[in-house]
Amino acid sequence: MRQPNLNILRPWWRADRQRRKDGLRHCWQHCRQTLLDHFGLVAGLLLLACALLWAVGEHGRHVAGLRVAETNRHIAAFHDAPVGDAWRRVADAWQAKQARERTLLRRIASLSGAALQAELGNYRAFVIDTVVEHGLARDIDTVIRFYRRLAACVRIGSCDARLAAGRFGSAAWSFRNQHYYWLLEEYEVGEIDSVIDVIAPRAAGRKAF
């Protein structure tokens, strides 16, 4: 159905639409001319932004390289004296006691209640006697001080956390579990756990006792 009375709106609508088109065209021409007039400044700002992004990336790579280098320095220190010698003496002592230890652990795994507690007492005595018999107290302390230094390096961001965890995490928790009853007597076990947790926070099954 035609509504001729609405025809009076059409010239206004067309004029308004034309004004918007002219305004957009004028705005684009103005912006383009401004860019052309200041092309050197715009290009310079773009180059500066690119240079800053490149510098940030290079700095990140440099810092990452320093972290890896510092972690590798700790890895080397772990194999050299005195830490490497201490670790080897500890490993040799427990290798000599391996058969006895396995027997005790199998027995513990099969017990419960009061019998389990009694056998844990036997295992505790076995661990402490082994440390004393082989004179491992100083070697254990040497390894613990190394872990503390490594944890401090990771904590402040100077060592690569993933590289440290991959290289030391499993061994550190095994060392902790192996000497748990000795550590319970001579150290604050919670502090030792917090140190190793910095090195390997996602180590599964880390606490044996």
N, C-alpha and C. Protein backbone atom coordinates (compact mmCIF):
# COMPACT_ATOMS: atom_id res chain seq x y z
N MET A 1 0.85 -1.19 0.00
CA MET A 1 0.00 0.00 0.00
C MET A 1 0.88 1.24 0.00
N ARG A 2 0.66 2.11 -0.92
CA ARG A 2 1.50 3.31 -1.04
C ARG A 2 1.06 4.34 -0.01
N GLN A 3 2.05 5.02 0.51
CA GLN A 3 1.80 6.09 1.49
C GLN A 3 2.49 7.35 0.99
N PRO A 4 1.81 8.11 0.16
CA PRO A 4 2.44 9.28 -0.46
C PRO A 4 2.87 10.33 0.54
N ASN A 5 2.24 10.35 1.74
CA ASN A 5 2.63 11.37 2.72
C ASN A 5 4.05 11.17 3.23
N LEU A 6 4.57 9.93 3.10
CA LEU A 6 5.94 9.68 3.57
C LEU A 6 6.99 10.16 2.59
N ASN A 7 6.56 10.56 1.41
CA ASN A 7 7.54 11.02 0.42
C ASN A 7 8.29 12.24 0.88
N ILE A 8 7.71 13.01 1.80
CA ILE A 8 8.39 14.23 2.27
C ILE A 8 9.65 13.89 3.05
N LEU A 9 9.79 12.62 3.55
CA LEU A 9 10.98 12.23 4.30
C LEU A 9 12.14 11.83 3.40
N ARG A 10 11.83 11.48 2.20
CA ARG A 10 12.88 10.93 1.33
C ARG A 10 13.97 11.93 0.98
N PRO A 11 13.66 13.16 0.63
CA PRO A 11 14.76 14.09 0.35
C PRO A 11 15.67 14.29 1.55
N TRP A 12 15.04 14.36 2.76
CA TRP A 12 15.87 14.52 3.98
C TRP A 12 16.76 13.31 4.20
N TRP A 13 16.19 12.11 4.01
CA TRP A 13 16.98 10.89 4.22
C TRP A 13 18.14 10.80 3.24
N ARG A 14 17.83 11.13 1.98
CA ARG A 14 18.89 11.07 0.98
C ARG A 14 19.97 12.11 1.26
N ALA A 15 19.56 13.25 1.68
CA ALA A 15 20.55 14.30 1.96
C ALA A 15 21.42 13.92 3.15
N ASP A 16 20.77 13.34 4.18
CA ASP A 16 21.54 12.94 5.37
C ASP A 16 22.52 11.83 5.03
N ARG A 17 22.08 10.87 4.22
CA ARG A 17 22.97 9.79 3.82
C ARG A 17 24.12 10.31 3.00
N GLN A 18 23.84 11.26 2.13
CA GLN A 18 24.90 11.84 1.30
C GLN A 18 25.90 12.60 2.15
N ARG A 19 25.39 13.31 3.21
CA ARG A 19 26.31 14.04 4.09
C ARG A 19 27.24 13.07 4.82
N ARG A 20 26.69 11.91 5.25
CA ARG A 20 27.55 10.94 5.94
C ARG A 20 28.62 10.41 5.01
N LYS A 21 28.22 10.10 3.77
CA LYS A 21 29.22 9.63 2.81
C LYS A 21 30.30 10.68 2.57
N ASP A 22 29.86 11.92 2.41
CA ASP A 22 30.83 12.99 2.18
C ASP A 22 31.73 13.17 3.39
N GLY A 23 31.14 13.00 4.62
CA GLY A 23 31.94 13.14 5.83
C GLY A 23 32.99 12.04 5.95
N LEU A 24 32.60 10.81 5.64
CA LEU A 24 33.56 9.70 5.69
C LEU A 24 34.66 9.88 4.66
N ARG A 25 34.26 10.33 3.46
CA ARG A 25 35.25 10.55 2.42
C ARG A 25 36.22 11.66 2.81
N HIS A 26 35.67 12.71 3.40
CA HIS A 26 36.52 13.82 3.83
C HIS A 26 37.47 13.38 4.95
N CYS A 27 36.92 12.57 5.89
CA CYS A 27 37.76 12.09 7.00
C CYS A 27 38.90 11.24 6.48
N TRP A 28 38.61 10.32 5.56
CA TRP A 28 39.66 9.46 5.00
C TRP A 28 40.70 10.28 4.27
N GLN A 29 40.25 11.25 3.45
CA GLN A 29 41.20 12.09 2.74
C GLN A 29 42.07 12.89 3.70
N HIS A 30 41.44 13.37 4.78
CA HIS A 30 42.21 14.14 5.76
C HIS A 30 43.25 13.26 6.45
N CYS A 31 42.82 12.05 6.87
CA CYS A 31 43.75 11.14 7.55
C CYS A 31 44.89 10.73 6.61
N ARG A 32 44.55 10.44 5.36
CA ARG A 32 45.57 10.04 4.40
C ARG A 32 46.57 11.15 4.18
N GLN A 33 46.09 12.36 4.08
CA GLN A 33 46.98 13.50 3.87
C GLN A 33 47.87 13.74 5.08
N THR A 34 47.25 13.54 6.27
CA THR A 34 48.05 13.70 7.50
C THR A 34 49.17 12.69 7.56
N LEU A 35 48.85 11.41 7.21
CA LEU A 35 49.88 10.38 7.19
C LEU A 35 50.98 10.69 6.18
N LEU A 36 50.56 11.20 5.01
CA LEU A 36 51.55 11.55 4.00
C LEU A 36 52.42 12.71 4.45
N ASP A 37 51.79 13.68 5.11
CA ASP A 37 52.56 14.84 5.58
C ASP A 37 53.54 14.48 6.67
N HIS A 38 53.20 13.43 7.45
CA HIS A 38 54.07 13.03 8.58
C HIS A 38 54.60 11.61 8.38
N PHE A 39 54.85 11.25 7.14
CA PHE A 39 55.29 9.88 6.84
C PHE A 39 56.59 9.53 7.55
N GLY A 40 57.51 10.46 7.59
CA GLY A 40 58.80 10.19 8.24
C GLY A 40 58.64 9.89 9.71
N LEU A 41 57.78 10.67 10.38
CA LEU A 41 57.56 10.45 11.80
C LEU A 41 56.88 9.11 12.06
N VAL A 42 55.85 8.80 11.25
CA VAL A 42 55.14 7.54 11.42
C VAL A 42 56.06 6.35 11.17
N ALA A 43 56.85 6.44 10.11
CA ALA A 43 57.78 5.35 9.80
C ALA A 43 58.81 5.19 10.90
N GLY A 44 59.28 6.31 11.43
CA GLY A 44 60.25 6.24 12.52
C GLY A 44 59.68 5.58 13.76
N LEU A 45 58.42 5.92 14.09
CA LEU A 45 57.78 5.30 15.25
C LEU A 45 57.59 3.81 15.06
N LEU A 46 57.22 3.41 13.83
CA LEU A 46 57.06 1.98 13.56
C LEU A 46 58.40 1.24 13.69
N LEU A 47 59.45 1.85 13.16
CA LEU A 47 60.77 1.23 13.27
C LEU A 47 61.22 1.15 14.73
N LEU A 48 60.92 2.20 15.49
CA LEU A 48 61.28 2.18 16.90
C LEU A 48 60.53 1.07 17.64
N ALA A 49 59.25 0.90 17.34
CA ALA A 49 58.46 -0.16 17.98
C ALA A 49 59.03 -1.53 17.63
N CYS A 50 59.39 -1.72 16.36
CA CYS A 50 59.98 -3.01 15.95
C CYS A 50 61.30 -3.25 16.66
N ALA A 51 62.11 -2.18 16.78
CA ALA A 51 63.40 -2.32 17.46
C ALA A 51 63.21 -2.68 18.93
N LEU A 52 62.21 -2.07 19.57
CA LEU A 52 61.95 -2.38 20.97
C LEU A 52 61.51 -3.82 21.14
N LEU A 53 60.62 -4.30 20.26
CA LEU A 53 60.17 -5.69 20.33
C LEU A 53 61.34 -6.65 20.13
N TRP A 54 62.21 -6.32 19.19
CA TRP A 54 63.40 -7.16 18.94
C TRP A 54 64.31 -7.17 20.16
N ALA A 55 64.50 -5.99 20.78
CA ALA A 55 65.37 -5.89 21.95
C ALA A 55 64.82 -6.70 23.12
N VAL A 56 63.49 -6.64 23.30
CA VAL A 56 62.87 -7.41 24.38
C VAL A 56 63.07 -8.91 24.14
N GLY A 57 62.89 -9.35 22.90
CA GLY A 57 63.09 -10.76 22.59
C GLY A 57 64.53 -11.19 22.80
N GLU A 58 65.47 -10.35 22.37
CA GLU A 58 66.88 -10.66 22.55
C GLU A 58 67.26 -10.72 24.02
N HIS A 59 66.70 -9.79 24.80
CA HIS A 59 66.98 -9.79 26.23
C HIS A 59 66.45 -11.05 26.89
N GLY A 60 65.24 -11.48 26.50
CA GLY A 60 64.67 -12.71 27.04
C GLY A 60 65.53 -13.91 26.71
N ARG A 61 66.01 -13.98 25.47
CA ARG A 61 66.87 -15.10 25.08
C ARG A 61 68.20 -15.06 25.83
N HIS A 62 68.72 -13.85 26.04
CA HIS A 62 69.98 -13.72 26.77
C HIS A 62 69.82 -14.18 28.21
N VAL A 63 68.74 -13.75 28.86
CA VAL A 63 68.49 -14.15 30.25
C VAL A 63 68.30 -15.66 30.34
N ALA A 64 67.55 -16.23 29.40
CA ALA A 64 67.35 -17.69 29.39
C ALA A 64 68.67 -18.42 29.23
N GLY A 65 69.54 -17.88 28.38
CA GLY A 65 70.85 -18.49 28.20
C GLY A 65 71.69 -18.43 29.46
N LEU A 66 71.59 -17.33 30.19
CA LEU A 66 72.32 -17.21 31.45
C LEU A 66 71.80 -18.21 32.48
N ARG A 67 70.48 -18.40 32.51
CA ARG A 67 69.90 -19.37 33.44
C ARG A 67 70.42 -20.79 33.15
N VAL A 68 70.42 -21.14 31.87
CA VAL A 68 70.91 -22.48 31.50
C VAL A 68 72.38 -22.63 31.85
N ALA A 69 73.17 -21.60 31.58
CA ALA A 69 74.60 -21.66 31.89
C ALA A 69 74.84 -21.83 33.39
N GLU A 70 74.08 -21.10 34.21
CA GLU A 70 74.24 -21.21 35.65
C GLU A 70 73.79 -22.58 36.16
N THR A 71 72.73 -23.12 35.57
CA THR A 71 72.29 -24.47 35.95
C THR A 71 73.34 -25.50 35.57
N ASN A 72 73.93 -25.34 34.40
CA ASN A 72 74.99 -26.26 33.98
C ASN A 72 76.20 -26.17 34.90
N ARG A 73 76.45 -24.97 35.44
CA ARG A 73 77.54 -24.83 36.40
C ARG A 73 77.25 -25.64 37.67
N HIS A 74 76.01 -25.63 38.11
CA HIS A 74 75.64 -26.45 39.27
C HIS A 74 75.72 -27.94 38.94
N ILE A 75 75.32 -28.31 37.74
CA ILE A 75 75.43 -29.71 37.34
C ILE A 75 76.88 -30.17 37.37
N ALA A 76 77.77 -29.32 36.86
CA ALA A 76 79.20 -29.65 36.90
C ALA A 76 79.70 -29.75 38.33
N ALA A 77 79.25 -28.82 39.20
CA ALA A 77 79.68 -28.83 40.60
C ALA A 77 79.21 -30.09 41.31
N PHE A 78 78.06 -30.62 40.89
CA PHE A 78 77.55 -31.83 41.51
C PHE A 78 78.46 -33.03 41.24
N HIS A 79 79.11 -33.03 40.10
CA HIS A 79 79.99 -34.15 39.75
C HIS A 79 81.41 -33.96 40.27
N ASP A 80 81.80 -32.74 40.57
CA ASP A 80 83.15 -32.46 41.05
C ASP A 80 83.21 -32.55 42.57
N ALA A 81 84.44 -32.57 43.10
CA ALA A 81 84.62 -32.52 44.54
C ALA A 81 84.16 -31.15 45.05
N PRO A 82 83.62 -31.08 46.26
CA PRO A 82 83.41 -32.19 47.21
C PRO A 82 82.06 -32.91 47.05
N VAL A 83 81.13 -32.30 46.29
CA VAL A 83 79.78 -32.88 46.22
C VAL A 83 79.81 -34.25 45.53
N GLY A 84 80.51 -34.33 44.41
CA GLY A 84 80.56 -35.59 43.68
C GLY A 84 81.15 -36.72 44.51
N ASP A 85 82.23 -36.41 45.26
CA ASP A 85 82.84 -37.43 46.11
C ASP A 85 81.88 -37.87 47.22
N ALA A 86 81.19 -36.90 47.80
CA ALA A 86 80.24 -37.22 48.87
C ALA A 86 79.11 -38.10 48.34
N TRP A 87 78.60 -37.74 47.15
CA TRP A 87 77.51 -38.52 46.57
C TRP A 87 77.95 -39.95 46.28
N ARG A 88 79.15 -40.13 45.78
CA ARG A 88 79.63 -41.47 45.47
C ARG A 88 79.81 -42.31 46.74
N ARG A 89 80.31 -41.71 47.81
CA ARG A 89 80.47 -42.46 49.06
C ARG A 89 79.11 -42.89 49.62
N VAL A 90 78.14 -41.99 49.55
CA VAL A 90 76.80 -42.33 50.01
C VAL A 90 76.21 -43.47 49.16
N ALA A 91 76.35 -43.35 47.84
CA ALA A 91 75.81 -44.38 46.94
C ALA A 91 76.48 -45.72 47.18
N ASP A 92 77.80 -45.73 47.38
CA ASP A 92 78.53 -46.98 47.61
C ASP A 92 78.09 -47.64 48.92
N ALA A 93 77.88 -46.82 49.95
CA ALA A 93 77.47 -47.37 51.25
C ALA A 93 76.12 -48.05 51.14
N TRP A 94 75.18 -47.41 50.48
CA TRP A 94 73.85 -48.00 50.38
C TRP A 94 73.83 -49.17 49.40
N GLN A 95 74.73 -49.17 48.44
CA GLN A 95 74.83 -50.32 47.55
C GLN A 95 75.26 -51.56 48.33
N ALA A 96 76.15 -51.34 49.28
CA ALA A 96 76.61 -52.46 50.11
C ALA A 96 75.50 -52.99 51.02
N LYS A 97 74.55 -52.13 51.36
CA LYS A 97 73.46 -52.52 52.26
C LYS A 97 72.16 -52.82 51.50
N GLN A 98 72.24 -52.92 50.20
CA GLN A 98 71.04 -53.02 49.38
C GLN A 98 70.20 -54.24 49.71
N ALA A 99 70.83 -55.40 49.88
CA ALA A 99 70.08 -56.63 50.14
C ALA A 99 69.30 -56.53 51.45
N ARG A 100 69.97 -56.05 52.49
CA ARG A 100 69.32 -55.90 53.79
C ARG A 100 68.17 -54.89 53.71
N GLU A 101 68.38 -53.80 53.01
CA GLU A 101 67.35 -52.78 52.89
C GLU A 101 66.12 -53.31 52.16
N ARG A 102 66.33 -54.03 51.10
CA ARG A 102 65.19 -54.58 50.35
C ARG A 102 64.38 -55.54 51.20
N THR A 103 65.05 -56.35 52.00
CA THR A 103 64.36 -57.28 52.88
C THR A 103 63.48 -56.53 53.87
N LEU A 104 64.03 -55.48 54.46
CA LEU A 104 63.27 -54.70 55.43
C LEU A 104 62.07 -54.01 54.78
N LEU A 105 62.27 -53.45 53.60
CA LEU A 105 61.19 -52.73 52.92
C LEU A 105 60.07 -53.69 52.48
N ARG A 106 60.44 -54.89 52.04
CA ARG A 106 59.41 -55.87 51.69
C ARG A 106 58.60 -56.27 52.92
N ARG A 107 59.27 -56.40 54.03
CA ARG A 107 58.57 -56.76 55.25
C ARG A 107 57.63 -55.63 55.68
N ILE A 108 58.09 -54.40 55.58
CA ILE A 108 57.25 -53.25 55.94
C ILE A 108 56.00 -53.20 55.07
N ALA A 109 56.17 -53.48 53.79
CA ALA A 109 55.04 -53.40 52.86
C ALA A 109 53.97 -54.44 53.16
N SER A 110 54.32 -55.50 53.86
CA SER A 110 53.36 -56.57 54.12
C SER A 110 52.70 -56.47 55.49
N LEU A 111 53.07 -55.46 56.29
CA LEU A 111 52.58 -55.38 57.66
C LEU A 111 51.63 -54.21 57.83
N SER A 112 50.96 -54.21 58.98
CA SER A 112 50.08 -53.10 59.34
C SER A 112 49.98 -53.04 60.86
N GLY A 113 49.42 -51.94 61.35
CA GLY A 113 49.18 -51.81 62.77
C GLY A 113 50.44 -51.81 63.60
N ALA A 114 50.39 -52.49 64.76
CA ALA A 114 51.51 -52.50 65.69
C ALA A 114 52.74 -53.18 65.09
N ALA A 115 52.52 -54.23 64.31
CA ALA A 115 53.64 -54.92 63.68
C ALA A 115 54.37 -54.00 62.71
N LEU A 116 53.61 -53.18 61.99
CA LEU A 116 54.21 -52.21 61.06
C LEU A 116 55.05 -51.20 61.82
N GLN A 117 54.52 -50.68 62.91
CA GLN A 117 55.25 -49.69 63.69
C GLN A 117 56.55 -50.27 64.24
N ALA A 118 56.49 -51.52 64.68
CA ALA A 118 57.70 -52.16 65.20
C ALA A 118 58.75 -52.32 64.10
N GLU A 119 58.29 -52.71 62.91
CA GLU A 119 59.23 -52.90 61.81
C GLU A 119 59.80 -51.57 61.33
N LEU A 120 58.99 -50.52 61.36
CA LEU A 120 59.50 -49.19 61.02
C LEU A 120 60.59 -48.77 62.01
N GLY A 121 60.42 -49.16 63.27
CA GLY A 121 61.47 -48.89 64.26
C GLY A 121 62.77 -49.61 63.89
N ASN A 122 62.64 -50.84 63.42
CA ASN A 122 63.82 -51.58 62.98
C ASN A 122 64.49 -50.92 61.78
N TYR A 123 63.64 -50.45 60.85
CA TYR A 123 64.20 -49.80 59.66
C TYR A 123 64.88 -48.49 60.04
N ARG A 124 64.29 -47.74 60.97
CA ARG A 124 64.91 -46.51 61.45
C ARG A 124 66.29 -46.80 62.03
N ALA A 125 66.39 -47.82 62.84
CA ALA A 125 67.69 -48.18 63.42
C ALA A 125 68.67 -48.59 62.33
N PHE A 126 68.18 -49.29 61.33
CA PHE A 126 69.04 -49.71 60.22
C PHE A 126 69.61 -48.50 59.48
N VAL A 127 68.76 -47.50 59.20
CA VAL A 127 69.23 -46.30 58.49
C VAL A 127 70.29 -45.57 59.31
N ILE A 128 70.00 -45.34 60.58
CA ILE A 128 70.95 -44.59 61.42
C ILE A 128 72.25 -45.37 61.59
N ASP A 129 72.16 -46.68 61.78
CA ASP A 129 73.37 -47.50 61.92
C ASP A 129 74.21 -47.46 60.65
N THR A 130 73.56 -47.46 59.49
CA THR A 130 74.29 -47.42 58.22
C THR A 130 75.04 -46.10 58.07
N VAL A 131 74.39 -45.00 58.41
CA VAL A 131 75.04 -43.69 58.33
C VAL A 131 76.24 -43.64 59.26
N VAL A 132 76.08 -44.13 60.48
CA VAL A 132 77.17 -44.09 61.46
C VAL A 132 78.28 -45.05 61.06
N GLU A 133 77.92 -46.24 60.67
CA GLU A 133 78.92 -47.26 60.31
C GLU A 133 79.82 -46.80 59.17
N HIS A 134 79.23 -46.15 58.17
CA HIS A 134 80.01 -45.73 57.00
C HIS A 134 80.48 -44.28 57.09
N GLY A 135 80.21 -43.63 58.20
CA GLY A 135 80.66 -42.24 58.38
C GLY A 135 80.09 -41.29 57.34
N LEU A 136 78.79 -41.38 57.12
CA LEU A 136 78.16 -40.61 56.04
C LEU A 136 77.62 -39.25 56.47
N ALA A 137 77.71 -38.93 57.75
CA ALA A 137 77.09 -37.69 58.23
C ALA A 137 77.60 -36.47 57.49
N ARG A 138 78.90 -36.36 57.33
CA ARG A 138 79.46 -35.19 56.63
C ARG A 138 79.08 -35.20 55.16
N ASP A 139 79.07 -36.37 54.54
CA ASP A 139 78.71 -36.45 53.13
C ASP A 139 77.24 -36.07 52.92
N ILE A 140 76.37 -36.52 53.80
CA ILE A 140 74.95 -36.15 53.70
C ILE A 140 74.80 -34.63 53.82
N ASP A 141 75.53 -34.05 54.74
CA ASP A 141 75.45 -32.59 54.91
C ASP A 141 75.97 -31.86 53.68
N THR A 142 77.03 -32.39 53.05
CA THR A 142 77.57 -31.78 51.83
C THR A 142 76.52 -31.77 50.72
N VAL A 143 75.82 -32.88 50.55
CA VAL A 143 74.78 -32.96 49.52
C VAL A 143 73.63 -32.02 49.84
N ILE A 144 73.23 -31.96 51.10
CA ILE A 144 72.13 -31.07 51.49
C ILE A 144 72.49 -29.62 51.24
N ARG A 145 73.72 -29.22 51.55
CA ARG A 145 74.13 -27.83 51.29
C ARG A 145 74.14 -27.53 49.80
N PHE A 146 74.48 -28.52 48.99
CA PHE A 146 74.39 -28.33 47.54
C PHE A 146 72.96 -28.09 47.11
N TYR A 147 72.03 -28.91 47.62
CA TYR A 147 70.62 -28.73 47.26
C TYR A 147 70.11 -27.36 47.71
N ARG A 148 70.57 -26.90 48.83
CA ARG A 148 70.15 -25.57 49.29
C ARG A 148 70.64 -24.48 48.34
N ARG A 149 71.87 -24.60 47.90
CA ARG A 149 72.41 -23.60 46.95
C ARG A 149 71.63 -23.64 45.64
N LEU A 150 71.36 -24.84 45.16
CA LEU A 150 70.61 -24.98 43.91
C LEU A 150 69.21 -24.42 44.05
N ALA A 151 68.54 -24.73 45.16
CA ALA A 151 67.19 -24.22 45.39
C ALA A 151 67.18 -22.70 45.45
N ALA A 152 68.18 -22.11 46.09
CA ALA A 152 68.27 -20.64 46.14
C ALA A 152 68.45 -20.06 44.75
N CYS A 153 69.25 -20.74 43.93
CA CYS A 153 69.48 -20.28 42.55
C CYS A 153 68.19 -20.32 41.74
N VAL A 154 67.43 -21.41 41.90
CA VAL A 154 66.14 -21.53 41.20
C VAL A 154 65.16 -20.49 41.72
N ARG A 155 65.14 -20.30 43.03
CA ARG A 155 64.16 -19.40 43.65
C ARG A 155 64.32 -17.96 43.17
N ILE A 156 65.54 -17.49 43.00
CA ILE A 156 65.76 -16.11 42.58
C ILE A 156 65.75 -15.96 41.06
N GLY A 157 65.59 -17.07 40.34
CA GLY A 157 65.49 -17.00 38.89
C GLY A 157 66.81 -17.05 38.15
N SER A 158 67.90 -17.36 38.85
CA SER A 158 69.20 -17.43 38.18
C SER A 158 69.47 -18.79 37.54
N CYS A 159 68.73 -19.83 37.97
CA CYS A 159 68.86 -21.16 37.39
C CYS A 159 67.57 -21.53 36.68
N ASP A 160 67.69 -22.36 35.66
CA ASP A 160 66.54 -22.81 34.89
C ASP A 160 65.79 -23.88 35.68
N ALA A 161 64.56 -23.58 36.06
CA ALA A 161 63.79 -24.48 36.94
C ALA A 161 63.55 -25.84 36.28
N ARG A 162 63.19 -25.85 35.01
CA ARG A 162 62.88 -27.12 34.34
C ARG A 162 64.13 -27.98 34.18
N LEU A 163 65.25 -27.35 33.84
CA LEU A 163 66.49 -28.10 33.69
C LEU A 163 66.93 -28.67 35.03
N ALA A 164 66.82 -27.87 36.09
CA ALA A 164 67.19 -28.34 37.42
C ALA A 164 66.31 -29.49 37.87
N ALA A 165 65.01 -29.37 37.63
CA ALA A 165 64.07 -30.44 38.03
C ALA A 165 64.36 -31.73 37.27
N GLY A 166 64.62 -31.60 35.97
CA GLY A 166 64.89 -32.78 35.16
C GLY A 166 66.17 -33.48 35.56
N ARG A 167 67.16 -32.70 35.98
CA ARG A 167 68.47 -33.30 36.32
C ARG A 167 68.53 -33.78 37.77
N PHE A 168 67.92 -33.06 38.70
CA PHE A 168 68.12 -33.36 40.11
C PHE A 168 66.86 -33.81 40.85
N GLY A 169 65.68 -33.56 40.29
CA GLY A 169 64.46 -33.77 41.05
C GLY A 169 64.28 -35.16 41.62
N SER A 170 64.31 -36.17 40.77
CA SER A 170 64.07 -37.54 41.21
C SER A 170 65.14 -37.99 42.19
N ALA A 171 66.39 -37.68 41.90
CA ALA A 171 67.48 -38.10 42.77
C ALA A 171 67.41 -37.39 44.12
N ALA A 172 66.99 -36.13 44.12
CA ALA A 172 66.90 -35.39 45.38
C ALA A 172 65.86 -35.99 46.31
N TRP A 173 64.67 -36.34 45.75
CA TRP A 173 63.65 -36.94 46.59
C TRP A 173 64.05 -38.34 47.04
N SER A 174 64.73 -39.10 46.19
CA SER A 174 65.22 -40.42 46.60
C SER A 174 66.23 -40.30 47.73
N PHE A 175 67.09 -39.31 47.63
CA PHE A 175 68.08 -39.05 48.68
C PHE A 175 67.37 -38.72 50.00
N ARG A 176 66.35 -37.88 49.90
CA ARG A 176 65.58 -37.52 51.10
C ARG A 176 64.91 -38.73 51.73
N ASN A 177 64.29 -39.57 50.91
CA ASN A 177 63.60 -40.75 51.42
C ASN A 177 64.59 -41.76 52.01
N GLN A 178 65.72 -41.92 51.34
CA GLN A 178 66.73 -42.87 51.80
C GLN A 178 67.22 -42.53 53.21
N HIS A 179 67.39 -41.24 53.48
CA HIS A 179 67.98 -40.81 54.75
C HIS A 179 66.95 -40.16 55.68
N TYR A 180 65.68 -40.47 55.45
CA TYR A 180 64.62 -39.78 56.19
C TYR A 180 64.83 -39.84 57.70
N TYR A 181 65.10 -41.01 58.24
CA TYR A 181 65.22 -41.14 59.70
C TYR A 181 66.47 -40.45 60.23
N TRP A 182 67.51 -40.40 59.43
CA TRP A 182 68.69 -39.63 59.84
C TRP A 182 68.39 -38.13 59.81
N LEU A 183 67.72 -37.70 58.78
CA LEU A 183 67.35 -36.29 58.67
C LEU A 183 66.41 -35.89 59.81
N LEU A 184 65.55 -36.82 60.20
CA LEU A 184 64.61 -36.55 61.28
C LEU A 184 65.35 -36.30 62.59
N GLU A 185 66.49 -36.95 62.74
CA GLU A 185 67.29 -36.78 63.97
C GLU A 185 68.17 -35.53 63.92
N GLU A 186 68.69 -35.20 62.76
CA GLU A 186 69.73 -34.18 62.67
C GLU A 186 69.28 -32.87 62.04
N TYR A 187 68.17 -32.86 61.34
CA TYR A 187 67.74 -31.68 60.59
C TYR A 187 66.26 -31.43 60.84
N GLU A 188 65.79 -30.34 60.29
CA GLU A 188 64.36 -30.06 60.24
C GLU A 188 63.85 -30.59 58.90
N VAL A 189 63.14 -31.72 58.93
CA VAL A 189 62.73 -32.38 57.70
C VAL A 189 61.85 -31.47 56.85
N GLY A 190 61.00 -30.67 57.49
CA GLY A 190 60.16 -29.75 56.73
C GLY A 190 60.98 -28.77 55.92
N GLU A 191 62.10 -28.33 56.47
CA GLU A 191 62.98 -27.40 55.74
C GLU A 191 63.64 -28.11 54.56
N ILE A 192 64.06 -29.35 54.77
CA ILE A 192 64.65 -30.12 53.67
C ILE A 192 63.63 -30.34 52.57
N ASP A 193 62.40 -30.67 52.96
CA ASP A 193 61.34 -30.87 51.96
C ASP A 193 61.08 -29.59 51.16
N SER A 194 61.08 -28.45 51.83
CA SER A 194 60.84 -27.19 51.12
C SER A 194 61.96 -26.87 50.15
N VAL A 195 63.18 -27.23 50.51
CA VAL A 195 64.32 -27.02 49.61
C VAL A 195 64.16 -27.87 48.35
N ILE A 196 63.89 -29.16 48.53
CA ILE A 196 63.76 -30.06 47.38
C ILE A 196 62.52 -29.72 46.56
N ASP A 197 61.49 -29.22 47.24
CA ASP A 197 60.27 -28.87 46.53
C ASP A 197 60.49 -27.69 45.58
N VAL A 198 61.44 -26.83 45.89
CA VAL A 198 61.79 -25.75 44.96
C VAL A 198 62.44 -26.34 43.71
N ILE A 199 63.27 -27.34 43.91
CA ILE A 199 63.98 -27.95 42.78
C ILE A 199 63.03 -28.78 41.92
N ALA A 200 62.17 -29.57 42.57
CA ALA A 200 61.25 -30.45 41.83
C ALA A 200 59.88 -30.42 42.49
N PRO A 201 59.08 -29.39 42.26
CA PRO A 201 57.79 -29.26 42.94
C PRO A 201 56.74 -30.27 42.52
N ARG A 202 56.94 -30.92 41.38
CA ARG A 202 55.92 -31.86 40.90
C ARG A 202 56.38 -33.30 40.99
N ALA A 203 57.38 -33.57 41.79
CA ALA A 203 57.86 -34.94 41.93
C ALA A 203 56.78 -35.81 42.56
N ALA A 204 56.41 -36.89 41.90
CA ALA A 204 55.32 -37.75 42.37
C ALA A 204 55.83 -38.74 43.40
N GLY A 205 55.04 -38.97 44.43
CA GLY A 205 55.37 -39.98 45.42
C GLY A 205 56.65 -39.70 46.15
N ARG A 206 56.93 -38.45 46.44
CA ARG A 206 58.24 -38.09 46.97
C ARG A 206 58.41 -38.47 48.44
N LYS A 207 57.32 -38.55 49.19
CA LYS A 207 57.44 -38.83 50.61
C LYS A 207 57.18 -40.30 50.88
N ALA A 208 58.20 -40.98 51.34
CA ALA A 208 58.05 -42.41 51.63
C ALA A 208 57.54 -42.64 53.04
N PHE A 209 57.76 -41.70 53.96
CA PHE A 209 57.35 -41.87 55.34
C PHE A 209 56.61 -40.66 55.82
